[in-house]
Amino acid sequence: MKPAICTGFDYAVPFDRSIEVIRKAGFEIIALGARPEHSGYAMPAGRAAIRMLMRTHGMRIDSVHAPFPEGDRLFSLEENERLESVRQCRLAMDTAAELDGRTVVIHLIQPYDIPHGEMRDRMIDQGRRSVGALAIYAEEHGVKLAMENGQKADYDQVVADFLAEFDAPHVGLCYDSGHENVQGKCFHMLERFGRRLLTMHIHDNSGSDIHVLPFEGTTPWDEFRRILGALPYSGNLLLEVDVRNSRFQDHTVFLSEARQRAGRLLPNHSTGKA
């Protein structure tokens, strides 16, 4: 297991520059963020440039985040909107396959506040169609499909139901630590579905989804290390952090802190204390 980081730590920084400073901080592994316009992964020339950057800096790709918000309408009752989200997610899978990224991360039912009832049930049926199609596409293209847990319990129930329904080796969980901490609990989804873990989004907060560095919020990281160490997980420890709300505003300092704190979360590290 190695520390990794998403490239969207500050989308104002040009992608090629982001890769340079990430590498200088000691990271060898990245994940492409949810804004394809930042990395250029939506276009063949952009993917070729990413491949060259990876080769130049001796780096590799852990995963690709499906476009946000364009890929977040997989449960839409508007069929054209739903199909466009499926197309956007397939684009992320094409990118992962071409650039040797092993996993594509998707969100499920959006927005969070859909009330229970007939409309929500219809949306879940639409989502089932979307995820089913994406699971087939992922298998055909040799990549994995990771469904990300969310900030509300009823969202996570959809994740749990779909993990049970789509029980295949190439379909699993992207565990987001910050999302569970927003709910006032931690690591329930990780413990419950850890054997389905494909990748992770690790970040901290104190009750709102601000994506600060580990140990900048209230997440009990010693417990995280204990649970992670007991899982049969062979992937990377992937940070999905954002400089905007961190107390470390300088990019170089922020990324250096990110690398050091990610190392402290590895199960074989000697201590997880702040």
Protein backbone atom coordinates (compact mmCIF):
# COMPACT_ATOMS: atom_id res chain seq x y z
CA MET A 1 0.00 0.00 0.00
CA LYS A 2 1.36 3.41 -1.01
CA PRO A 3 0.22 6.99 -0.38
CA ALA A 4 -1.57 8.58 -3.34
CA ILE A 5 -3.39 11.85 -3.96
CA CYS A 6 -6.10 13.23 -6.23
CA THR A 7 -4.95 15.89 -8.67
CA GLY A 8 -7.76 18.29 -7.76
CA PHE A 9 -6.14 19.65 -4.59
CA ASP A 10 -6.44 23.07 -6.27
CA TYR A 11 -8.07 23.20 -9.69
CA ALA A 12 -6.65 26.70 -10.21
CA VAL A 13 -3.20 25.15 -10.62
CA PRO A 14 -2.58 23.95 -14.20
CA PHE A 15 -2.54 20.17 -14.45
CA ASP A 16 1.07 19.81 -15.58
CA ARG A 17 2.20 22.04 -12.71
CA SER A 18 0.04 20.02 -10.28
CA ILE A 19 1.82 16.86 -11.32
CA GLU A 20 5.23 18.48 -10.79
CA VAL A 21 4.50 19.66 -7.25
CA ILE A 22 2.74 16.43 -6.31
CA ARG A 23 5.80 14.45 -7.41
CA LYS A 24 8.18 16.77 -5.56
CA ALA A 25 6.17 16.14 -2.40
CA GLY A 26 7.00 12.44 -2.72
CA PHE A 27 3.84 11.00 -4.24
CA GLU A 28 4.28 8.43 -7.00
CA ILE A 29 0.57 7.69 -7.52
CA ILE A 30 -2.30 10.02 -8.42
CA ALA A 31 -6.00 9.88 -9.17
CA LEU A 32 -7.50 12.05 -11.88
CA GLY A 33 -10.01 14.46 -10.40
CA ALA A 34 -13.66 14.89 -11.34
CA ARG A 35 -13.12 17.83 -13.69
CA PRO A 36 -11.91 16.48 -17.04
CA GLU A 37 -11.28 20.01 -18.27
CA HIS A 38 -8.46 20.29 -15.69
CA SER A 39 -6.50 17.23 -16.76
CA GLY A 40 -7.75 17.11 -20.34
CA TYR A 41 -8.67 13.44 -20.04
CA ALA A 42 -11.81 13.85 -22.15
CA MET A 43 -9.78 14.28 -25.34
CA PRO A 44 -7.24 11.96 -27.03
CA ALA A 45 -4.57 14.66 -27.00
CA GLY A 46 -5.15 15.25 -23.30
CA ARG A 47 -4.83 11.56 -22.49
CA ALA A 48 -1.60 11.40 -24.51
CA ALA A 49 -0.25 14.36 -22.53
CA ILE A 50 -1.19 12.69 -19.25
CA ARG A 51 0.60 9.51 -20.30
CA MET A 52 3.72 11.54 -21.14
CA LEU A 53 3.61 13.32 -17.77
CA MET A 54 3.30 9.99 -15.97
CA ARG A 55 6.28 8.63 -17.87
CA THR A 56 8.37 11.77 -17.36
CA HIS A 57 7.82 11.89 -13.62
CA GLY A 58 7.83 8.15 -12.96
CA MET A 59 4.22 8.12 -11.76
CA ARG A 60 1.10 6.04 -12.28
CA ILE A 61 -2.65 6.41 -11.95
CA ASP A 62 -4.71 4.81 -9.19
CA SER A 63 -8.17 5.76 -10.43
CA VAL A 64 -10.28 8.20 -12.40
CA HIS A 65 -13.21 10.10 -10.91
CA ALA A 66 -16.23 10.26 -13.20
CA PRO A 67 -17.03 13.86 -14.23
CA PHE A 68 -18.77 15.99 -11.62
CA PRO A 69 -21.55 17.06 -11.90
CA GLU A 70 -22.04 15.75 -15.45
CA GLY A 71 -21.67 12.13 -14.38
CA ASP A 72 -23.87 12.47 -11.29
CA ARG A 73 -27.25 12.08 -12.98
CA LEU A 74 -27.24 8.30 -13.24
CA PHE A 75 -30.54 8.16 -11.32
CA SER A 76 -32.27 10.94 -13.26
CA LEU A 77 -35.87 10.46 -14.37
CA GLU A 78 -35.01 12.49 -17.48
CA GLU A 79 -33.79 9.78 -19.84
CA ASN A 80 -31.57 12.03 -21.94
CA GLU A 81 -29.89 13.35 -18.80
CA ARG A 82 -29.39 9.85 -17.44
CA LEU A 83 -27.89 8.60 -20.69
CA GLU A 84 -25.53 11.57 -20.83
CA SER A 85 -24.29 10.73 -17.35
CA VAL A 86 -23.74 7.13 -18.43
CA ARG A 87 -21.76 8.44 -21.41
CA GLN A 88 -19.64 10.65 -19.16
CA CYS A 89 -18.88 7.73 -16.85
CA ARG A 90 -17.95 5.56 -19.83
CA LEU A 91 -15.54 8.28 -20.91
CA ALA A 92 -13.85 8.00 -17.51
CA MET A 93 -13.64 4.22 -18.02
CA ASP A 94 -12.09 4.69 -21.46
CA THR A 95 -9.52 6.96 -19.83
CA ALA A 96 -8.76 4.48 -17.07
CA ALA A 97 -8.33 1.69 -19.58
CA GLU A 98 -6.06 3.75 -21.83
CA LEU A 99 -3.91 5.13 -19.01
CA ASP A 100 -3.68 1.96 -16.92
CA GLY A 101 -5.83 3.34 -14.14
CA ARG A 102 -7.49 0.42 -12.41
CA THR A 103 -10.72 1.97 -11.13
CA VAL A 104 -13.42 4.51 -11.97
CA VAL A 105 -15.31 6.16 -9.10
CA ILE A 106 -18.98 7.11 -9.45
CA HIS A 107 -21.58 8.80 -7.25
CA LEU A 108 -25.06 7.34 -6.86
CA ILE A 109 -28.45 8.93 -6.14
CA GLN A 110 -28.34 12.73 -6.30
CA PRO A 111 -29.29 15.12 -4.83
CA TYR A 112 -29.14 13.86 -1.25
CA ASP A 113 -32.54 15.15 -0.15
CA ILE A 114 -34.84 13.07 -2.39
CA PRO A 115 -37.69 12.00 -0.03
CA HIS A 116 -38.68 8.38 0.25
CA GLY A 117 -41.62 7.47 -1.90
CA GLU A 118 -42.62 6.67 -5.46
CA MET A 119 -40.30 9.20 -7.13
CA ARG A 120 -37.26 7.98 -5.20
CA ASP A 121 -38.13 4.38 -6.04
CA ARG A 122 -38.35 5.27 -9.72
CA MET A 123 -34.99 7.04 -9.51
CA ILE A 124 -33.40 3.99 -7.92
CA ASP A 125 -34.74 1.86 -10.77
CA GLN A 126 -33.11 4.28 -13.20
CA GLY A 127 -29.88 4.10 -11.23
CA ARG A 128 -30.02 0.32 -11.36
CA ARG A 129 -30.15 0.50 -15.16
CA SER A 130 -27.23 2.92 -15.23
CA VAL A 131 -24.99 1.02 -12.84
CA GLY A 132 -25.82 -2.25 -14.58
CA ALA A 133 -24.76 -0.82 -17.92
CA LEU A 134 -21.58 0.65 -16.42
CA ALA A 135 -20.69 -2.63 -14.71
CA ILE A 136 -20.87 -4.40 -18.07
CA TYR A 137 -18.82 -1.68 -19.76
CA ALA A 138 -16.18 -1.81 -17.01
CA GLU A 139 -15.77 -5.56 -17.35
CA GLU A 140 -15.49 -5.29 -21.13
CA HIS A 141 -12.76 -2.67 -20.81
CA GLY A 142 -10.77 -4.31 -18.03
CA VAL A 143 -11.41 -1.69 -15.34
CA LYS A 144 -13.23 -1.68 -12.02
CA LEU A 145 -16.29 0.28 -10.97
CA ALA A 146 -16.29 1.79 -7.47
CA MET A 147 -19.45 3.24 -5.91
CA GLU A 148 -18.70 5.98 -3.39
CA ASN A 149 -20.44 6.17 0.00
CA GLY A 150 -22.14 9.45 0.86
CA GLN A 151 -23.03 11.99 3.49
CA LYS A 152 -26.43 10.55 4.50
CA ALA A 153 -27.54 7.17 5.78
CA ASP A 154 -30.24 6.69 3.16
CA TYR A 155 -27.68 7.33 0.41
CA ASP A 156 -25.41 4.69 1.94
CA GLN A 157 -28.31 2.26 2.00
CA VAL A 158 -28.52 2.59 -1.79
CA VAL A 159 -24.79 1.88 -1.98
CA ALA A 160 -25.23 -1.16 0.25
CA ASP A 161 -28.17 -2.44 -1.79
CA PHE A 162 -26.30 -2.02 -5.07
CA LEU A 163 -23.16 -3.69 -3.71
CA ALA A 164 -25.33 -6.67 -2.82
CA GLU A 165 -27.04 -6.63 -6.21
CA PHE A 166 -23.92 -6.13 -8.32
CA ASP A 167 -21.81 -8.75 -6.60
CA ALA A 168 -18.91 -9.10 -9.03
CA PRO A 169 -15.14 -8.84 -8.51
CA HIS A 170 -14.89 -5.75 -10.72
CA VAL A 171 -17.61 -3.83 -8.82
CA GLY A 172 -17.03 -2.52 -5.33
CA LEU A 173 -16.68 0.38 -2.91
CA CYS A 174 -14.77 3.65 -2.94
CA TYR A 175 -14.63 4.45 0.76
CA ASP A 176 -14.88 8.17 1.54
CA SER A 177 -13.86 8.89 5.12
CA GLY A 178 -15.00 12.52 5.10
CA HIS A 179 -18.51 11.62 3.99
CA GLU A 180 -19.03 9.30 6.94
CA ASN A 181 -17.56 11.83 9.35
CA VAL A 182 -20.18 14.35 8.15
CA GLN A 183 -22.79 11.85 9.36
CA GLY A 184 -21.23 11.87 12.84
CA LYS A 185 -19.95 8.33 12.52
CA CYS A 186 -16.85 6.75 11.09
CA PHE A 187 -15.82 3.60 9.29
CA HIS A 188 -19.14 1.71 9.37
CA MET A 189 -19.14 1.36 5.59
CA LEU A 190 -15.44 0.47 5.61
CA GLU A 191 -15.96 -2.31 8.15
CA ARG A 192 -19.12 -3.60 6.49
CA PHE A 193 -17.83 -3.61 2.92
CA GLY A 194 -14.07 -3.63 3.37
CA ARG A 195 -13.73 -6.83 1.37
CA ARG A 196 -15.26 -4.99 -1.58
CA LEU A 197 -12.89 -2.02 -1.24
CA LEU A 198 -11.40 -0.95 -4.59
CA THR A 199 -10.04 2.51 -3.73
CA MET A 200 -10.61 5.26 -1.18
CA HIS A 201 -11.04 9.01 -0.75
CA ILE A 202 -9.35 9.97 2.50
CA HIS A 203 -9.86 13.43 3.98
CA ASP A 204 -10.92 15.06 7.23
CA ASN A 205 -13.50 17.52 8.53
CA SER A 206 -15.32 18.56 11.69
CA GLY A 207 -18.84 17.91 10.42
CA SER A 208 -19.00 19.51 6.98
CA ASP A 209 -17.47 18.18 3.77
CA ILE A 210 -14.46 20.50 3.45
CA HIS A 211 -11.79 17.94 2.44
CA VAL A 212 -8.99 19.07 4.74
CA LEU A 213 -5.91 16.98 5.53
CA PRO A 214 -6.03 14.04 7.93
CA PHE A 215 -5.58 15.26 11.52
CA GLU A 216 -7.07 18.70 10.68
CA GLY A 217 -10.55 17.54 11.76
CA THR A 218 -12.27 15.16 14.14
CA THR A 219 -11.90 11.78 12.39
CA PRO A 220 -10.50 9.08 14.75
CA TRP A 221 -7.55 8.03 12.60
CA ASP A 222 -6.12 5.44 14.99
CA GLU A 223 -9.34 3.46 14.53
CA PHE A 224 -9.03 3.85 10.77
CA ARG A 225 -5.52 2.37 10.79
CA ARG A 226 -6.70 -0.56 12.90
CA ILE A 227 -9.64 -1.36 10.61
CA LEU A 228 -7.67 -0.87 7.39
CA GLY A 229 -4.87 -3.10 8.65
CA ALA A 230 -7.31 -5.98 9.11
CA LEU A 231 -8.67 -5.79 5.55
CA PRO A 232 -7.44 -7.75 2.52
CA TYR A 233 -6.91 -4.50 0.62
CA SER A 234 -4.05 -4.31 -1.88
CA GLY A 235 -4.71 -0.82 -3.25
CA ASN A 236 -3.36 2.60 -2.35
CA LEU A 237 -4.11 5.02 0.46
CA LEU A 238 -5.61 7.78 -1.66
CA LEU A 239 -6.11 11.30 -0.33
CA GLU A 240 -8.89 13.47 -1.78
CA VAL A 241 -7.93 16.76 -0.13
CA ASP A 242 -8.45 20.43 -0.99
CA VAL A 243 -6.16 23.30 -0.05
CA ARG A 244 -8.97 25.88 0.25
CA ASN A 245 -10.00 25.08 3.82
CA SER A 246 -6.68 23.80 5.12
CA ARG A 247 -4.53 25.79 7.48
CA PHE A 248 -1.65 25.01 5.08
CA GLN A 249 -2.27 27.41 2.20
CA ASP A 250 1.10 27.20 0.47
CA HIS A 251 0.92 24.42 -2.11
CA THR A 252 4.36 23.06 -1.36
CA VAL A 253 3.73 22.94 2.38
CA PHE A 254 0.23 21.53 1.90
CA LEU A 255 1.45 18.67 -0.29
CA SER A 256 4.40 17.94 1.98
CA GLU A 257 1.99 17.72 4.92
CA ALA A 258 -0.34 15.55 2.84
CA ARG A 259 2.45 13.09 2.06
CA GLN A 260 3.64 12.93 5.66
CA ARG A 261 0.12 12.49 7.06
CA ALA A 262 -0.78 9.85 4.50
CA GLY A 263 2.28 7.90 5.62
CA ARG A 264 1.08 8.07 9.21
CA LEU A 265 -2.19 6.41 8.19
CA LEU A 266 -0.57 3.35 6.66
CA PRO A 267 -1.33 0.27 8.77
CA ASN A 268 2.36 -0.58 9.23
CA HIS A 269 3.29 2.90 10.48
CA SER A 270 4.52 3.00 14.05
CA THR A 271 2.03 5.63 15.27
CA GLY A 272 -1.11 7.40 14.18
CA LYS A 273 -1.00 10.11 16.81
CA ALA A 274 -1.28 13.75 15.82
